[in-house]
Amino acid sequence: MAVSRERLPRIPFRGQAEPFSRLFPSSALLARAAHWCHELDHPAYDCLYVALAERERATLITADQRLLRKLQQPRAGLPAVIDLANF
C-alpha cells in the first residue's frame, strides 16, 4: 500500500532529517548494490538500501535480522546499522 507523505504519522526523529524527504533513482546505486549483493550474499533489493546509506553516509535502520547480522560484521565501507526494534 502506498501512503503519501502528508498521511505519514508524525514521528520525532531526534534532530535528523525527516524520513522520505528525498527520493533517489535506483539506477545511480546499481553498481554499489551489486557489489554488496556479492560481498554480503544478500538480495539486491536490500542492497540498494545499503548502497544508498553508504553513499549518503547515513545510518540504515532495518527490521531484517539476517541483513542486520551481516551489516554488523566489520567490512570497509559498510554503513552504520540500527535494529528497528531498538529505534
N, C-alpha and C. Protein backbone atom coordinates (compact mmCIF):
# COMPACT_ATOMS: atom_id res chain seq x y z
N MET A 1 0.84 -1.17 0.00
CA MET A 1 0.00 0.00 0.00
C MET A 1 0.89 1.24 0.00
N ALA A 2 0.59 2.19 -0.84
CA ALA A 2 1.34 3.44 -0.89
C ALA A 2 0.65 4.47 0.00
N VAL A 3 1.45 5.23 0.70
CA VAL A 3 0.93 6.27 1.58
C VAL A 3 1.63 7.56 1.24
N SER A 4 0.89 8.62 1.07
CA SER A 4 1.51 9.89 0.76
C SER A 4 2.26 10.42 1.98
N ARG A 5 3.21 11.28 1.73
CA ARG A 5 3.99 11.88 2.81
C ARG A 5 3.11 12.62 3.81
N GLU A 6 2.06 13.26 3.31
CA GLU A 6 1.18 14.03 4.17
C GLU A 6 0.41 13.14 5.15
N ARG A 7 0.22 11.88 4.78
CA ARG A 7 -0.56 10.97 5.63
C ARG A 7 0.31 10.14 6.56
N LEU A 8 1.63 10.27 6.44
CA LEU A 8 2.51 9.54 7.35
C LEU A 8 2.35 10.08 8.76
N PRO A 9 2.42 9.21 9.78
CA PRO A 9 2.33 9.72 11.15
C PRO A 9 3.54 10.61 11.45
N ARG A 10 3.33 11.60 12.27
CA ARG A 10 4.42 12.49 12.67
C ARG A 10 5.20 11.82 13.80
N ILE A 11 6.44 11.50 13.53
CA ILE A 11 7.31 10.82 14.48
C ILE A 11 8.51 11.71 14.74
N PRO A 12 8.84 11.96 16.01
CA PRO A 12 10.05 12.77 16.27
C PRO A 12 11.30 11.99 15.91
N PHE A 13 12.23 12.62 15.19
CA PHE A 13 13.42 11.93 14.73
C PHE A 13 14.70 12.53 15.30
N ARG A 14 14.64 13.01 16.50
CA ARG A 14 15.83 13.46 17.24
C ARG A 14 16.76 14.33 16.39
N GLY A 15 16.23 15.34 15.74
CA GLY A 15 17.05 16.29 15.01
C GLY A 15 17.54 15.81 13.65
N GLN A 16 17.22 14.59 13.26
CA GLN A 16 17.65 14.08 11.96
C GLN A 16 16.66 14.52 10.89
N ALA A 17 17.06 14.36 9.66
CA ALA A 17 16.18 14.71 8.54
C ALA A 17 14.92 13.85 8.59
N GLU A 18 13.84 14.43 8.12
CA GLU A 18 12.58 13.71 8.07
C GLU A 18 12.70 12.54 7.10
N PRO A 19 12.21 11.35 7.48
CA PRO A 19 12.28 10.22 6.55
C PRO A 19 11.44 10.50 5.31
N PHE A 20 11.86 9.95 4.20
CA PHE A 20 11.18 10.10 2.92
C PHE A 20 11.16 11.54 2.42
N SER A 21 12.12 12.34 2.88
CA SER A 21 12.14 13.73 2.46
C SER A 21 12.78 13.91 1.08
N ARG A 22 13.48 12.87 0.59
CA ARG A 22 14.08 12.93 -0.75
C ARG A 22 13.93 11.57 -1.41
N LEU A 23 13.85 11.57 -2.72
CA LEU A 23 13.81 10.33 -3.49
C LEU A 23 15.09 10.22 -4.30
N PHE A 24 15.57 8.99 -4.48
CA PHE A 24 16.81 8.75 -5.22
C PHE A 24 16.55 7.70 -6.29
N PRO A 25 17.02 7.92 -7.50
CA PRO A 25 16.86 6.90 -8.54
C PRO A 25 17.75 5.70 -8.25
N SER A 26 17.20 4.52 -8.37
CA SER A 26 17.97 3.32 -8.07
C SER A 26 19.08 3.08 -9.09
N SER A 27 18.92 3.60 -10.30
CA SER A 27 19.94 3.36 -11.33
C SER A 27 21.31 3.88 -10.91
N ALA A 28 21.34 4.95 -10.13
CA ALA A 28 22.62 5.51 -9.68
C ALA A 28 23.28 4.64 -8.60
N LEU A 29 22.54 3.69 -8.06
CA LEU A 29 23.04 2.86 -6.95
C LEU A 29 23.36 1.43 -7.37
N LEU A 30 23.06 1.08 -8.61
CA LEU A 30 23.14 -0.33 -9.03
C LEU A 30 24.54 -0.94 -8.90
N ALA A 31 25.58 -0.22 -9.26
CA ALA A 31 26.93 -0.78 -9.20
C ALA A 31 27.31 -1.12 -7.77
N ARG A 32 27.06 -0.19 -6.83
CA ARG A 32 27.39 -0.47 -5.43
C ARG A 32 26.46 -1.53 -4.85
N ALA A 33 25.21 -1.53 -5.24
CA ALA A 33 24.29 -2.55 -4.76
C ALA A 33 24.75 -3.93 -5.22
N ALA A 34 25.20 -4.04 -6.46
CA ALA A 34 25.72 -5.32 -6.97
C ALA A 34 26.94 -5.74 -6.17
N HIS A 35 27.80 -4.79 -5.84
CA HIS A 35 28.97 -5.10 -5.00
C HIS A 35 28.53 -5.69 -3.66
N TRP A 36 27.56 -5.03 -3.01
CA TRP A 36 27.11 -5.52 -1.70
C TRP A 36 26.36 -6.84 -1.81
N CYS A 37 25.65 -7.07 -2.92
CA CYS A 37 24.99 -8.38 -3.13
C CYS A 37 26.02 -9.49 -3.10
N HIS A 38 27.10 -9.28 -3.81
CA HIS A 38 28.16 -10.28 -3.87
C HIS A 38 28.87 -10.39 -2.53
N GLU A 39 29.24 -9.26 -1.96
CA GLU A 39 30.01 -9.24 -0.71
C GLU A 39 29.24 -9.82 0.47
N LEU A 40 27.95 -9.51 0.55
CA LEU A 40 27.14 -9.94 1.69
C LEU A 40 26.33 -11.20 1.41
N ASP A 41 26.30 -11.64 0.15
CA ASP A 41 25.44 -12.75 -0.25
C ASP A 41 24.00 -12.47 0.21
N HIS A 42 23.49 -11.34 -0.30
CA HIS A 42 22.17 -10.87 0.13
C HIS A 42 21.42 -10.32 -1.10
N PRO A 43 20.08 -10.35 -1.08
CA PRO A 43 19.29 -9.91 -2.24
C PRO A 43 19.51 -8.45 -2.63
N ALA A 44 19.34 -8.20 -3.92
CA ALA A 44 19.59 -6.87 -4.49
C ALA A 44 18.68 -5.80 -3.90
N TYR A 45 17.41 -6.11 -3.66
CA TYR A 45 16.50 -5.07 -3.18
C TYR A 45 16.96 -4.50 -1.85
N ASP A 46 17.51 -5.32 -0.95
CA ASP A 46 18.05 -4.81 0.31
C ASP A 46 19.37 -4.08 0.09
N CYS A 47 20.17 -4.58 -0.82
CA CYS A 47 21.49 -3.98 -1.07
C CYS A 47 21.38 -2.60 -1.70
N LEU A 48 20.26 -2.29 -2.35
CA LEU A 48 20.05 -0.92 -2.82
C LEU A 48 19.99 0.05 -1.63
N TYR A 49 19.36 -0.37 -0.54
CA TYR A 49 19.32 0.46 0.66
C TYR A 49 20.70 0.58 1.30
N VAL A 50 21.45 -0.51 1.27
CA VAL A 50 22.83 -0.48 1.80
C VAL A 50 23.66 0.50 0.98
N ALA A 51 23.55 0.43 -0.34
CA ALA A 51 24.31 1.33 -1.22
C ALA A 51 23.92 2.78 -1.00
N LEU A 52 22.64 3.04 -0.80
CA LEU A 52 22.18 4.40 -0.56
C LEU A 52 22.71 4.92 0.77
N ALA A 53 22.63 4.11 1.82
CA ALA A 53 23.15 4.53 3.12
C ALA A 53 24.65 4.78 3.04
N GLU A 54 25.35 3.93 2.31
CA GLU A 54 26.79 4.12 2.13
C GLU A 54 27.07 5.45 1.44
N ARG A 55 26.38 5.70 0.34
CA ARG A 55 26.62 6.92 -0.44
C ARG A 55 26.28 8.19 0.35
N GLU A 56 25.20 8.13 1.11
CA GLU A 56 24.74 9.30 1.86
C GLU A 56 25.38 9.41 3.25
N ARG A 57 26.23 8.43 3.57
CA ARG A 57 26.84 8.37 4.90
C ARG A 57 25.76 8.45 5.99
N ALA A 58 24.75 7.63 5.79
CA ALA A 58 23.59 7.59 6.68
C ALA A 58 23.56 6.27 7.43
N THR A 59 22.83 6.26 8.52
CA THR A 59 22.61 5.03 9.27
C THR A 59 21.41 4.31 8.67
N LEU A 60 21.57 3.02 8.43
CA LEU A 60 20.49 2.21 7.88
C LEU A 60 19.70 1.62 9.03
N ILE A 61 18.39 1.77 9.01
CA ILE A 61 17.51 1.19 10.02
C ILE A 61 16.76 0.05 9.36
N THR A 62 16.85 -1.14 9.96
CA THR A 62 16.21 -2.32 9.35
C THR A 62 15.62 -3.24 10.41
N ALA A 63 14.56 -3.93 10.02
CA ALA A 63 13.97 -4.97 10.85
C ALA A 63 14.42 -6.35 10.38
N ASP A 64 15.15 -6.39 9.28
CA ASP A 64 15.63 -7.64 8.69
C ASP A 64 16.82 -8.16 9.50
N GLN A 65 16.58 -9.16 10.31
CA GLN A 65 17.62 -9.66 11.21
C GLN A 65 18.80 -10.29 10.46
N ARG A 66 18.53 -10.92 9.35
CA ARG A 66 19.61 -11.51 8.54
C ARG A 66 20.53 -10.41 8.00
N LEU A 67 19.94 -9.36 7.45
CA LEU A 67 20.73 -8.23 6.96
C LEU A 67 21.45 -7.54 8.11
N LEU A 68 20.78 -7.36 9.21
CA LEU A 68 21.38 -6.72 10.38
C LEU A 68 22.64 -7.46 10.82
N ARG A 69 22.58 -8.78 10.91
CA ARG A 69 23.76 -9.56 11.31
C ARG A 69 24.91 -9.38 10.33
N LYS A 70 24.58 -9.38 9.04
CA LYS A 70 25.63 -9.22 8.02
C LYS A 70 26.26 -7.84 8.07
N LEU A 71 25.45 -6.82 8.32
CA LEU A 71 25.98 -5.46 8.36
C LEU A 71 26.75 -5.16 9.64
N GLN A 72 26.57 -5.95 10.65
CA GLN A 72 27.30 -5.74 11.91
C GLN A 72 28.69 -6.38 11.88
N GLN A 73 28.98 -7.16 10.85
CA GLN A 73 30.33 -7.72 10.69
C GLN A 73 31.23 -6.64 10.13
N PRO A 74 32.44 -6.48 10.68
CA PRO A 74 33.31 -5.41 10.19
C PRO A 74 33.73 -5.61 8.73
N ARG A 75 33.42 -4.63 7.90
CA ARG A 75 33.82 -4.60 6.50
C ARG A 75 33.98 -3.15 6.11
N ALA A 76 34.99 -2.86 5.34
CA ALA A 76 35.22 -1.48 4.88
C ALA A 76 34.04 -1.00 4.04
N GLY A 77 33.57 0.20 4.32
CA GLY A 77 32.54 0.82 3.52
C GLY A 77 31.11 0.57 3.98
N LEU A 78 30.91 -0.38 4.89
CA LEU A 78 29.55 -0.65 5.33
C LEU A 78 29.00 0.52 6.14
N PRO A 79 27.72 0.87 5.91
CA PRO A 79 27.12 1.94 6.71
C PRO A 79 26.81 1.45 8.12
N ALA A 80 26.64 2.39 9.02
CA ALA A 80 26.17 2.04 10.36
C ALA A 80 24.76 1.50 10.24
N VAL A 81 24.39 0.63 11.15
CA VAL A 81 23.07 -0.01 11.09
C VAL A 81 22.46 -0.05 12.48
N ILE A 82 21.14 0.12 12.51
CA ILE A 82 20.37 0.05 13.76
C ILE A 82 19.22 -0.91 13.54
N ASP A 83 18.95 -1.74 14.55
CA ASP A 83 17.79 -2.61 14.53
C ASP A 83 16.54 -1.76 14.77
N LEU A 84 15.55 -1.89 13.91
CA LEU A 84 14.32 -1.13 14.04
C LEU A 84 13.70 -1.31 15.42
N ALA A 85 13.83 -2.48 16.01
CA ALA A 85 13.26 -2.74 17.33
C ALA A 85 13.90 -1.86 18.40
N ASN A 86 15.10 -1.36 18.16
CA ASN A 86 15.78 -0.50 19.13
C ASN A 86 15.71 0.97 18.78
N PHE A 87 14.98 1.30 17.74
CA PHE A 87 14.92 2.69 17.29
C PHE A 87 13.87 3.45 18.03
